[in-house]
Amino acid sequence: MKALALVVACVATGVLLAGCSSASKPTNKDDAAFTYLFDRKSNWTENKVDTLPPLPQQTDLLAFDVSGNTPLTFAVDSKSLSVGDDGVVRFTVVAKSPSGASNVNYEGIRCDTYEWRQYAGLNADHDGWDTGVATPFARIENGTLNAYQASLYQDYFCTSKMPTGSAKQILENIRYRRTASSQIR
């Protein structure tokens, strides 16, 4: 009886393997067309930024933490934050020194690539935007003392390479200091 079961199993295995084999001979023809997933060119297109938000008002600023090692304070202008269908969270950030000097930039963080870019900065007269300081997307730096882009990306803006939600949800999280790590249960 065991011998019969062994023969049936061998025949079934042979039939299964024969069904899986290809009728054509192996070829390397398609190997040249193979592209690793991370090497594929993206079809991503950034939304146009035709208009810039109004300059931030003190009453609209929402503070957020970056590092206990920096003397600077950071805030996002709640009126400027938007989430584009291109996966970029755009916002105005205000970095202020203990002496009161401040930098004001309009920026974007691209969630799927861990990159940021600057669209404009406060002009020399402090009464409008200077688009001459715009930069292309660049990798977010984690280890720098004032790595506010990394803090915003990791704590509030992005999860699983996507925006964490609508602008309203992100602003509520910043307002109530609900970071991504504080929401993990």
N, C-alpha and C. Protein backbone atom coordinates (compact mmCIF):
# COMPACT_ATOMS: atom_id res chain seq x y z
N MET A 1 0.81 -1.18 0.00
CA MET A 1 0.00 0.00 0.00
C MET A 1 0.86 1.27 0.00
N LYS A 2 1.96 1.26 0.81
CA LYS A 2 2.86 2.41 0.85
C LYS A 2 3.54 2.62 -0.50
N ALA A 3 3.85 1.53 -1.17
CA ALA A 3 4.51 1.64 -2.47
C ALA A 3 3.57 2.29 -3.48
N LEU A 4 2.30 1.92 -3.45
CA LEU A 4 1.32 2.51 -4.36
C LEU A 4 1.17 4.02 -4.09
N ALA A 5 1.13 4.42 -2.82
CA ALA A 5 1.00 5.84 -2.46
C ALA A 5 2.23 6.61 -2.93
N LEU A 6 3.41 5.99 -2.83
CA LEU A 6 4.64 6.63 -3.27
C LEU A 6 4.63 6.82 -4.79
N VAL A 7 4.16 5.85 -5.53
CA VAL A 7 4.09 5.95 -6.98
C VAL A 7 3.10 7.05 -7.38
N VAL A 8 1.94 7.10 -6.74
CA VAL A 8 0.92 8.10 -7.06
C VAL A 8 1.48 9.50 -6.76
N ALA A 9 2.19 9.66 -5.64
CA ALA A 9 2.77 10.95 -5.29
C ALA A 9 3.82 11.37 -6.31
N CYS A 10 4.64 10.43 -6.76
CA CYS A 10 5.67 10.75 -7.76
C CYS A 10 5.04 11.16 -9.08
N VAL A 11 4.01 10.44 -9.50
CA VAL A 11 3.34 10.76 -10.75
C VAL A 11 2.67 12.14 -10.66
N ALA A 12 2.02 12.43 -9.53
CA ALA A 12 1.36 13.72 -9.35
C ALA A 12 2.38 14.85 -9.36
N THR A 13 3.52 14.64 -8.74
CA THR A 13 4.56 15.66 -8.73
C THR A 13 5.09 15.90 -10.14
N GLY A 14 5.28 14.82 -10.89
CA GLY A 14 5.75 14.97 -12.26
C GLY A 14 4.76 15.73 -13.12
N VAL A 15 3.48 15.44 -12.98
CA VAL A 15 2.44 16.13 -13.74
C VAL A 15 2.43 17.62 -13.36
N LEU A 16 2.54 17.91 -12.05
CA LEU A 16 2.55 19.29 -11.58
C LEU A 16 3.74 20.06 -12.15
N LEU A 17 4.91 19.46 -12.12
CA LEU A 17 6.10 20.11 -12.65
C LEU A 17 6.02 20.30 -14.16
N ALA A 18 5.44 19.34 -14.86
CA ALA A 18 5.30 19.47 -16.31
C ALA A 18 4.36 20.61 -16.66
N GLY A 19 3.31 20.79 -15.84
CA GLY A 19 2.35 21.87 -16.09
C GLY A 19 2.97 23.24 -15.84
N CYS A 20 3.96 23.30 -14.95
CA CYS A 20 4.59 24.58 -14.63
C CYS A 20 5.68 24.95 -15.62
N SER A 21 6.16 24.03 -16.37
CA SER A 21 7.27 24.34 -17.27
C SER A 21 6.78 25.15 -18.46
N SER A 22 7.67 25.91 -19.03
CA SER A 22 7.36 26.75 -20.18
C SER A 22 7.59 25.96 -21.45
N ALA A 23 6.77 26.22 -22.43
CA ALA A 23 6.92 25.52 -23.69
C ALA A 23 8.12 26.07 -24.48
N SER A 24 8.47 27.30 -24.24
CA SER A 24 9.59 27.87 -24.98
C SER A 24 10.88 27.69 -24.20
N LYS A 25 11.98 27.85 -24.92
CA LYS A 25 13.29 27.70 -24.30
C LYS A 25 13.61 28.95 -23.48
N PRO A 26 14.41 28.84 -22.41
CA PRO A 26 14.79 30.01 -21.62
C PRO A 26 15.55 31.02 -22.48
N THR A 27 15.33 32.30 -22.16
CA THR A 27 15.99 33.34 -22.92
C THR A 27 16.38 34.49 -21.99
N ASN A 28 17.41 35.21 -22.38
CA ASN A 28 17.83 36.39 -21.63
C ASN A 28 17.32 37.67 -22.29
N LYS A 29 16.46 37.52 -23.26
CA LYS A 29 15.98 38.63 -24.06
C LYS A 29 15.35 39.74 -23.20
N ASP A 30 14.56 39.40 -22.20
CA ASP A 30 13.86 40.38 -21.40
C ASP A 30 14.70 40.95 -20.25
N ASP A 31 15.87 40.38 -19.99
CA ASP A 31 16.69 40.86 -18.88
C ASP A 31 17.11 42.32 -19.08
N ALA A 32 17.29 42.75 -20.30
CA ALA A 32 17.71 44.13 -20.56
C ALA A 32 16.60 45.11 -20.19
N ALA A 33 15.34 44.66 -20.23
CA ALA A 33 14.21 45.52 -19.92
C ALA A 33 13.91 45.55 -18.43
N PHE A 34 14.55 44.70 -17.65
CA PHE A 34 14.29 44.64 -16.21
C PHE A 34 14.82 45.88 -15.51
N THR A 35 14.00 46.45 -14.64
CA THR A 35 14.40 47.62 -13.85
C THR A 35 14.00 47.38 -12.41
N TYR A 36 14.93 47.61 -11.51
CA TYR A 36 14.60 47.50 -10.10
C TYR A 36 13.55 48.54 -9.74
N LEU A 37 12.71 48.21 -8.78
CA LEU A 37 11.62 49.10 -8.38
C LEU A 37 12.14 50.49 -8.01
N PHE A 38 13.23 50.56 -7.24
CA PHE A 38 13.75 51.86 -6.81
C PHE A 38 14.46 52.62 -7.92
N ASP A 39 14.80 51.94 -9.02
CA ASP A 39 15.46 52.61 -10.14
C ASP A 39 14.47 53.12 -11.19
N ARG A 40 13.21 52.76 -11.03
CA ARG A 40 12.20 53.19 -12.00
C ARG A 40 12.00 54.69 -11.94
N LYS A 41 11.82 55.27 -13.08
CA LYS A 41 11.53 56.70 -13.16
C LYS A 41 10.08 56.93 -12.75
N SER A 42 9.87 57.93 -11.97
CA SER A 42 8.55 58.24 -11.47
C SER A 42 7.79 59.10 -12.47
N ASN A 43 6.49 58.97 -12.47
CA ASN A 43 5.64 59.83 -13.29
C ASN A 43 5.14 61.01 -12.48
N TRP A 44 5.72 61.22 -11.30
CA TRP A 44 5.28 62.27 -10.39
C TRP A 44 5.51 63.64 -10.99
N THR A 45 4.53 64.50 -10.84
CA THR A 45 4.64 65.89 -11.26
C THR A 45 4.19 66.76 -10.10
N GLU A 46 5.02 67.75 -9.78
CA GLU A 46 4.67 68.66 -8.70
C GLU A 46 3.60 69.64 -9.14
N ASN A 47 2.67 69.92 -8.24
CA ASN A 47 1.67 70.95 -8.50
C ASN A 47 2.37 72.31 -8.64
N LYS A 48 1.87 73.14 -9.50
CA LYS A 48 2.41 74.49 -9.66
C LYS A 48 2.08 75.31 -8.42
N VAL A 49 3.05 76.12 -8.00
CA VAL A 49 2.84 77.05 -6.89
C VAL A 49 2.83 78.44 -7.52
N ASP A 50 1.64 78.86 -7.95
CA ASP A 50 1.50 80.14 -8.64
C ASP A 50 1.34 81.31 -7.69
N THR A 51 0.67 81.07 -6.58
CA THR A 51 0.46 82.14 -5.61
C THR A 51 1.04 81.75 -4.27
N LEU A 52 1.60 82.71 -3.60
CA LEU A 52 2.16 82.48 -2.28
C LEU A 52 1.18 82.96 -1.22
N PRO A 53 1.22 82.36 -0.05
CA PRO A 53 0.28 82.78 1.00
C PRO A 53 0.64 84.17 1.53
N PRO A 54 -0.29 84.80 2.22
CA PRO A 54 0.05 86.08 2.87
C PRO A 54 1.14 85.83 3.92
N LEU A 55 1.88 86.87 4.27
CA LEU A 55 2.88 86.73 5.32
C LEU A 55 2.19 86.34 6.63
N PRO A 56 2.87 85.56 7.45
CA PRO A 56 2.23 85.07 8.68
C PRO A 56 1.98 86.18 9.70
N GLN A 57 0.92 86.00 10.46
CA GLN A 57 0.58 86.88 11.57
C GLN A 57 0.87 86.12 12.86
N GLN A 58 1.32 86.80 13.89
CA GLN A 58 1.68 86.17 15.15
C GLN A 58 0.55 85.30 15.70
N THR A 59 -0.69 85.74 15.56
CA THR A 59 -1.83 85.01 16.11
C THR A 59 -2.10 83.69 15.39
N ASP A 60 -1.54 83.50 14.20
CA ASP A 60 -1.77 82.28 13.42
C ASP A 60 -0.65 81.26 13.56
N LEU A 61 0.38 81.56 14.35
CA LEU A 61 1.54 80.67 14.46
C LEU A 61 1.29 79.56 15.48
N LEU A 62 1.62 78.34 15.08
CA LEU A 62 1.53 77.17 15.96
C LEU A 62 2.94 76.65 16.21
N ALA A 63 3.38 76.72 17.45
CA ALA A 63 4.73 76.28 17.80
C ALA A 63 4.83 74.75 17.76
N PHE A 64 6.03 74.27 17.44
CA PHE A 64 6.31 72.83 17.49
C PHE A 64 7.74 72.63 17.96
N ASP A 65 8.01 71.47 18.54
CA ASP A 65 9.33 71.16 19.07
C ASP A 65 10.23 70.56 18.01
N VAL A 66 11.49 70.93 18.06
CA VAL A 66 12.49 70.38 17.15
C VAL A 66 13.53 69.59 17.92
N SER A 67 14.18 70.26 18.86
CA SER A 67 15.24 69.63 19.63
C SER A 67 15.45 70.43 20.91
N GLY A 68 15.78 69.73 21.98
CA GLY A 68 16.11 70.42 23.22
C GLY A 68 17.47 71.09 23.15
N ASN A 69 18.22 70.80 22.09
CA ASN A 69 19.58 71.33 21.96
C ASN A 69 19.66 72.65 21.19
N THR A 70 18.55 73.10 20.65
CA THR A 70 18.58 74.35 19.87
C THR A 70 17.96 75.49 20.67
N PRO A 71 18.56 76.66 20.59
CA PRO A 71 17.95 77.81 21.28
C PRO A 71 16.81 78.43 20.46
N LEU A 72 16.65 78.00 19.23
CA LEU A 72 15.62 78.58 18.36
C LEU A 72 14.25 78.02 18.70
N THR A 73 13.22 78.81 18.42
CA THR A 73 11.85 78.32 18.51
C THR A 73 11.30 78.27 17.08
N PHE A 74 10.38 77.35 16.86
CA PHE A 74 9.84 77.13 15.52
C PHE A 74 8.32 77.14 15.57
N ALA A 75 7.71 77.65 14.49
CA ALA A 75 6.25 77.67 14.40
C ALA A 75 5.84 77.56 12.94
N VAL A 76 4.66 77.02 12.73
CA VAL A 76 4.04 76.91 11.41
C VAL A 76 2.88 77.89 11.37
N ASP A 77 2.75 78.59 10.25
CA ASP A 77 1.62 79.49 10.05
C ASP A 77 0.40 78.66 9.68
N SER A 78 -0.60 78.65 10.55
CA SER A 78 -1.78 77.81 10.33
C SER A 78 -2.56 78.21 9.09
N LYS A 79 -2.48 79.45 8.68
CA LYS A 79 -3.22 79.91 7.49
C LYS A 79 -2.56 79.48 6.18
N SER A 80 -1.29 79.08 6.25
CA SER A 80 -0.57 78.75 5.01
C SER A 80 -0.50 77.26 4.71
N LEU A 81 -0.78 76.41 5.70
CA LEU A 81 -0.57 74.97 5.51
C LEU A 81 -1.60 74.39 4.55
N SER A 82 -1.10 73.61 3.57
CA SER A 82 -1.98 72.93 2.62
C SER A 82 -1.38 71.58 2.27
N VAL A 83 -2.25 70.66 1.88
CA VAL A 83 -1.82 69.33 1.45
C VAL A 83 -2.21 69.18 0.00
N GLY A 84 -1.21 69.09 -0.88
CA GLY A 84 -1.49 68.98 -2.31
C GLY A 84 -1.77 67.55 -2.73
N ASP A 85 -2.50 67.38 -3.83
CA ASP A 85 -2.74 66.03 -4.32
C ASP A 85 -1.48 65.42 -4.93
N ASP A 86 -0.39 66.18 -4.94
CA ASP A 86 0.90 65.65 -5.37
C ASP A 86 1.69 65.07 -4.19
N GLY A 87 1.09 65.06 -2.99
CA GLY A 87 1.74 64.49 -1.82
C GLY A 87 2.70 65.44 -1.13
N VAL A 88 2.63 66.73 -1.46
CA VAL A 88 3.51 67.73 -0.85
C VAL A 88 2.70 68.54 0.16
N VAL A 89 3.23 68.64 1.38
CA VAL A 89 2.63 69.49 2.40
C VAL A 89 3.37 70.83 2.33
N ARG A 90 2.63 71.90 2.04
CA ARG A 90 3.24 73.23 1.91
C ARG A 90 2.85 74.08 3.11
N PHE A 91 3.79 74.92 3.55
CA PHE A 91 3.59 75.65 4.80
C PHE A 91 4.58 76.80 4.90
N THR A 92 4.26 77.76 5.75
CA THR A 92 5.19 78.82 6.12
C THR A 92 5.73 78.47 7.49
N VAL A 93 7.06 78.51 7.62
CA VAL A 93 7.71 78.24 8.90
C VAL A 93 8.41 79.50 9.38
N VAL A 94 8.34 79.73 10.69
CA VAL A 94 9.01 80.86 11.31
C VAL A 94 9.97 80.30 12.35
N ALA A 95 11.26 80.60 12.18
CA ALA A 95 12.29 80.21 13.14
C ALA A 95 12.77 81.49 13.82
N LYS A 96 12.71 81.50 15.15
CA LYS A 96 13.04 82.71 15.89
C LYS A 96 14.16 82.44 16.88
N SER A 97 15.13 83.36 16.93
CA SER A 97 16.24 83.25 17.87
C SER A 97 15.85 83.89 19.20
N PRO A 98 16.60 83.60 20.28
CA PRO A 98 16.30 84.21 21.58
C PRO A 98 16.37 85.74 21.55
N SER A 99 17.17 86.31 20.63
CA SER A 99 17.27 87.77 20.55
C SER A 99 16.11 88.39 19.77
N GLY A 100 15.27 87.56 19.16
CA GLY A 100 14.11 88.07 18.43
C GLY A 100 14.25 88.06 16.92
N ALA A 101 15.43 87.78 16.40
CA ALA A 101 15.61 87.70 14.95
C ALA A 101 14.84 86.48 14.43
N SER A 102 14.27 86.61 13.25
CA SER A 102 13.51 85.47 12.73
C SER A 102 13.75 85.26 11.24
N ASN A 103 13.63 84.01 10.84
CA ASN A 103 13.63 83.61 9.44
C ASN A 103 12.23 83.14 9.12
N VAL A 104 11.72 83.55 7.97
CA VAL A 104 10.38 83.16 7.54
C VAL A 104 10.51 82.60 6.14
N ASN A 105 10.09 81.35 5.97
CA ASN A 105 10.20 80.69 4.67
C ASN A 105 8.89 80.01 4.33
N TYR A 106 8.58 79.99 3.03
CA TYR A 106 7.47 79.18 2.52
C TYR A 106 8.10 77.95 1.88
N GLU A 107 7.74 76.76 2.39
CA GLU A 107 8.41 75.52 2.00
C GLU A 107 7.41 74.42 1.69
N GLY A 108 7.93 73.32 1.18
CA GLY A 108 7.14 72.13 0.95
C GLY A 108 7.91 70.90 1.36
N ILE A 109 7.21 69.92 1.90
CA ILE A 109 7.80 68.62 2.24
C ILE A 109 7.10 67.56 1.42
N ARG A 110 7.89 66.80 0.67
CA ARG A 110 7.36 65.73 -0.18
C ARG A 110 7.42 64.42 0.61
N CYS A 111 6.27 63.90 0.95
CA CYS A 111 6.20 62.74 1.84
C CYS A 111 6.77 61.46 1.24
N ASP A 112 6.59 61.21 -0.04
CA ASP A 112 7.01 59.92 -0.60
C ASP A 112 8.52 59.79 -0.77
N THR A 113 9.25 60.89 -0.72
CA THR A 113 10.70 60.81 -0.95
C THR A 113 11.55 61.37 0.18
N TYR A 114 10.92 61.84 1.27
CA TYR A 114 11.64 62.41 2.41
C TYR A 114 12.51 63.59 1.95
N GLU A 115 11.87 64.49 1.20
CA GLU A 115 12.57 65.66 0.66
C GLU A 115 11.80 66.93 1.01
N TRP A 116 12.52 68.06 0.93
CA TRP A 116 11.91 69.35 1.16
C TRP A 116 12.44 70.35 0.14
N ARG A 117 11.73 71.43 0.00
CA ARG A 117 12.21 72.52 -0.85
C ARG A 117 11.67 73.84 -0.33
N GLN A 118 12.37 74.90 -0.69
CA GLN A 118 11.94 76.25 -0.32
C GLN A 118 11.39 76.90 -1.57
N TYR A 119 10.21 77.51 -1.42
CA TYR A 119 9.59 78.25 -2.53
C TYR A 119 9.92 79.73 -2.45
N ALA A 120 9.99 80.26 -1.22
CA ALA A 120 10.25 81.69 -1.04
C ALA A 120 10.69 81.95 0.40
N GLY A 121 11.30 83.10 0.59
CA GLY A 121 11.69 83.55 1.92
C GLY A 121 11.27 85.00 2.08
N LEU A 122 11.26 85.46 3.30
CA LEU A 122 10.90 86.84 3.57
C LEU A 122 11.93 87.77 2.91
N ASN A 123 11.45 88.79 2.23
CA ASN A 123 12.38 89.69 1.53
C ASN A 123 13.13 90.60 2.52
N ALA A 124 14.11 91.32 2.04
CA ALA A 124 14.97 92.16 2.88
C ALA A 124 14.20 93.29 3.57
N ASP A 125 13.11 93.73 2.96
CA ASP A 125 12.31 94.79 3.56
C ASP A 125 11.27 94.25 4.56
N HIS A 126 11.16 92.94 4.64
CA HIS A 126 10.22 92.25 5.55
C HIS A 126 8.77 92.60 5.24
N ASP A 127 8.49 92.85 3.97
CA ASP A 127 7.12 93.19 3.61
C ASP A 127 6.57 92.34 2.47
N GLY A 128 7.26 91.28 2.11
CA GLY A 128 6.80 90.42 1.03
C GLY A 128 7.72 89.23 0.85
N TRP A 129 7.42 88.43 -0.14
CA TRP A 129 8.19 87.22 -0.41
C TRP A 129 9.29 87.47 -1.43
N ASP A 130 10.39 86.76 -1.28
CA ASP A 130 11.50 86.75 -2.25
C ASP A 130 11.57 85.34 -2.83
N THR A 131 11.18 85.19 -4.09
CA THR A 131 11.20 83.87 -4.73
C THR A 131 12.58 83.54 -5.31
N GLY A 132 13.49 84.49 -5.25
CA GLY A 132 14.85 84.26 -5.75
C GLY A 132 15.63 83.27 -4.89
N VAL A 133 15.14 82.95 -3.72
CA VAL A 133 15.81 82.00 -2.83
C VAL A 133 15.25 80.59 -2.96
N ALA A 134 14.37 80.38 -3.93
CA ALA A 134 13.75 79.07 -4.13
C ALA A 134 14.81 78.02 -4.42
N THR A 135 14.57 76.80 -3.93
CA THR A 135 15.49 75.68 -4.12
C THR A 135 14.75 74.48 -4.69
N PRO A 136 15.46 73.57 -5.33
CA PRO A 136 14.83 72.32 -5.76
C PRO A 136 14.67 71.39 -4.55
N PHE A 137 13.96 70.29 -4.73
CA PHE A 137 13.82 69.33 -3.64
C PHE A 137 15.18 68.75 -3.28
N ALA A 138 15.41 68.58 -1.98
CA ALA A 138 16.65 68.01 -1.46
C ALA A 138 16.30 67.10 -0.28
N ARG A 139 17.15 66.16 -0.02
CA ARG A 139 16.96 65.21 1.08
C ARG A 139 16.88 65.95 2.42
N ILE A 140 15.95 65.55 3.26
CA ILE A 140 15.83 66.12 4.60
C ILE A 140 16.97 65.59 5.46
N GLU A 141 17.63 66.48 6.18
CA GLU A 141 18.74 66.11 7.06
C GLU A 141 18.22 65.89 8.47
N ASN A 142 18.50 64.72 9.03
CA ASN A 142 18.02 64.39 10.37
C ASN A 142 18.91 64.94 11.47
N GLY A 143 20.20 64.88 11.29
CA GLY A 143 21.12 65.11 12.38
C GLY A 143 21.47 66.55 12.67
N THR A 144 20.99 67.48 11.90
CA THR A 144 21.38 68.87 12.15
C THR A 144 20.64 69.42 13.36
N LEU A 145 21.27 70.37 14.01
CA LEU A 145 20.74 70.97 15.23
C LEU A 145 19.34 71.54 15.03
N ASN A 146 19.11 72.16 13.91
CA ASN A 146 17.82 72.81 13.64
C ASN A 146 17.05 72.07 12.54
N ALA A 147 16.95 70.77 12.66
CA ALA A 147 16.33 69.94 11.63
C ALA A 147 14.80 69.97 11.75
N TYR A 148 14.24 71.16 11.53
CA TYR A 148 12.79 71.28 11.70
C TYR A 148 12.02 70.53 10.64
N GLN A 149 12.59 70.39 9.41
CA GLN A 149 11.88 69.63 8.38
C GLN A 149 11.71 68.17 8.80
N ALA A 150 12.77 67.60 9.40
CA ALA A 150 12.69 66.21 9.87
C ALA A 150 11.64 66.08 10.96
N SER A 151 11.60 67.05 11.87
CA SER A 151 10.59 67.01 12.94
C SER A 151 9.18 67.10 12.37
N LEU A 152 8.96 68.02 11.44
CA LEU A 152 7.63 68.14 10.85
C LEU A 152 7.25 66.89 10.07
N TYR A 153 8.19 66.36 9.28
CA TYR A 153 7.92 65.14 8.52
C TYR A 153 7.53 64.00 9.45
N GLN A 154 8.37 63.73 10.44
CA GLN A 154 8.20 62.56 11.30
C GLN A 154 7.08 62.72 12.33
N ASP A 155 6.90 63.92 12.86
CA ASP A 155 5.94 64.11 13.94
C ASP A 155 4.53 64.46 13.46
N TYR A 156 4.41 65.20 12.36
CA TYR A 156 3.11 65.73 12.01
C TYR A 156 2.66 65.54 10.56
N PHE A 157 3.57 65.68 9.61
CA PHE A 157 3.14 65.77 8.21
C PHE A 157 2.93 64.43 7.51
N CYS A 158 3.83 63.46 7.72
CA CYS A 158 3.84 62.27 6.87
C CYS A 158 3.84 60.97 7.69
N THR A 159 3.16 59.98 7.14
CA THR A 159 3.14 58.63 7.68
C THR A 159 3.11 57.67 6.50
N SER A 160 3.96 56.67 6.51
CA SER A 160 4.01 55.68 5.44
C SER A 160 4.14 56.34 4.07
N LYS A 161 4.99 57.37 4.00
CA LYS A 161 5.30 58.08 2.77
C LYS A 161 4.10 58.82 2.16
N MET A 162 3.11 59.12 3.01
CA MET A 162 1.93 59.85 2.56
C MET A 162 1.60 60.93 3.60
N PRO A 163 0.94 62.00 3.19
CA PRO A 163 0.50 62.98 4.18
C PRO A 163 -0.40 62.30 5.22
N THR A 164 -0.27 62.72 6.48
CA THR A 164 -1.03 62.07 7.56
C THR A 164 -2.52 62.35 7.50
N GLY A 165 -2.91 63.32 6.73
CA GLY A 165 -4.33 63.65 6.61
C GLY A 165 -4.49 64.99 5.94
N SER A 166 -5.64 65.58 6.16
CA SER A 166 -5.93 66.90 5.58
C SER A 166 -5.15 67.97 6.33
N ALA A 167 -5.14 69.16 5.78
CA ALA A 167 -4.48 70.29 6.45
C ALA A 167 -5.11 70.51 7.82
N LYS A 168 -6.41 70.40 7.92
CA LYS A 168 -7.10 70.59 9.20
C LYS A 168 -6.61 69.58 10.23
N GLN A 169 -6.50 68.30 9.84
CA GLN A 169 -6.03 67.27 10.78
C GLN A 169 -4.59 67.53 11.22
N ILE A 170 -3.74 67.91 10.28
CA ILE A 170 -2.34 68.18 10.62
C ILE A 170 -2.25 69.36 11.58
N LEU A 171 -3.01 70.41 11.31
CA LEU A 171 -3.00 71.59 12.19
C LEU A 171 -3.51 71.26 13.59
N GLU A 172 -4.53 70.42 13.68
CA GLU A 172 -5.02 70.01 15.00
C GLU A 172 -3.95 69.22 15.75
N ASN A 173 -3.23 68.36 15.04
CA ASN A 173 -2.17 67.60 15.68
C ASN A 173 -1.06 68.51 16.21
N ILE A 174 -0.70 69.52 15.42
CA ILE A 174 0.33 70.47 15.88
C ILE A 174 -0.21 71.28 17.07
N ARG A 175 -1.41 71.77 16.96
CA ARG A 175 -2.01 72.60 18.01
C ARG A 175 -2.05 71.83 19.34
N TYR A 176 -2.42 70.57 19.30
CA TYR A 176 -2.55 69.78 20.53
C TYR A 176 -1.34 68.88 20.79
N ARG A 177 -0.28 69.12 20.02
CA ARG A 177 1.00 68.40 20.19
C ARG A 177 0.83 66.88 20.14
N ARG A 178 -0.03 66.44 19.21
CA ARG A 178 -0.23 65.01 18.99
C ARG A 178 0.75 64.55 17.91
N THR A 179 1.94 64.14 18.34
CA THR A 179 2.94 63.67 17.39
C THR A 179 2.61 62.26 16.96
N ALA A 180 3.23 61.82 15.88
CA ALA A 180 3.01 60.46 15.39
C ALA A 180 3.35 59.43 16.46
N SER A 181 4.46 59.63 17.17
CA SER A 181 4.86 58.65 18.19
C SER A 181 3.94 58.67 19.40
N SER A 182 3.30 59.80 19.70
CA SER A 182 2.38 59.86 20.84
C SER A 182 1.05 59.19 20.53
N GLN A 183 0.77 58.97 19.24
CA GLN A 183 -0.50 58.36 18.85
C GLN A 183 -0.40 56.85 18.66
N ILE A 184 0.81 56.31 18.77
CA ILE A 184 0.99 54.85 18.64
C ILE A 184 0.58 54.21 19.95
N ARG A 185 -0.27 53.25 19.87
CA ARG A 185 -0.75 52.59 21.09
C ARG A 185 -0.34 51.15 21.11
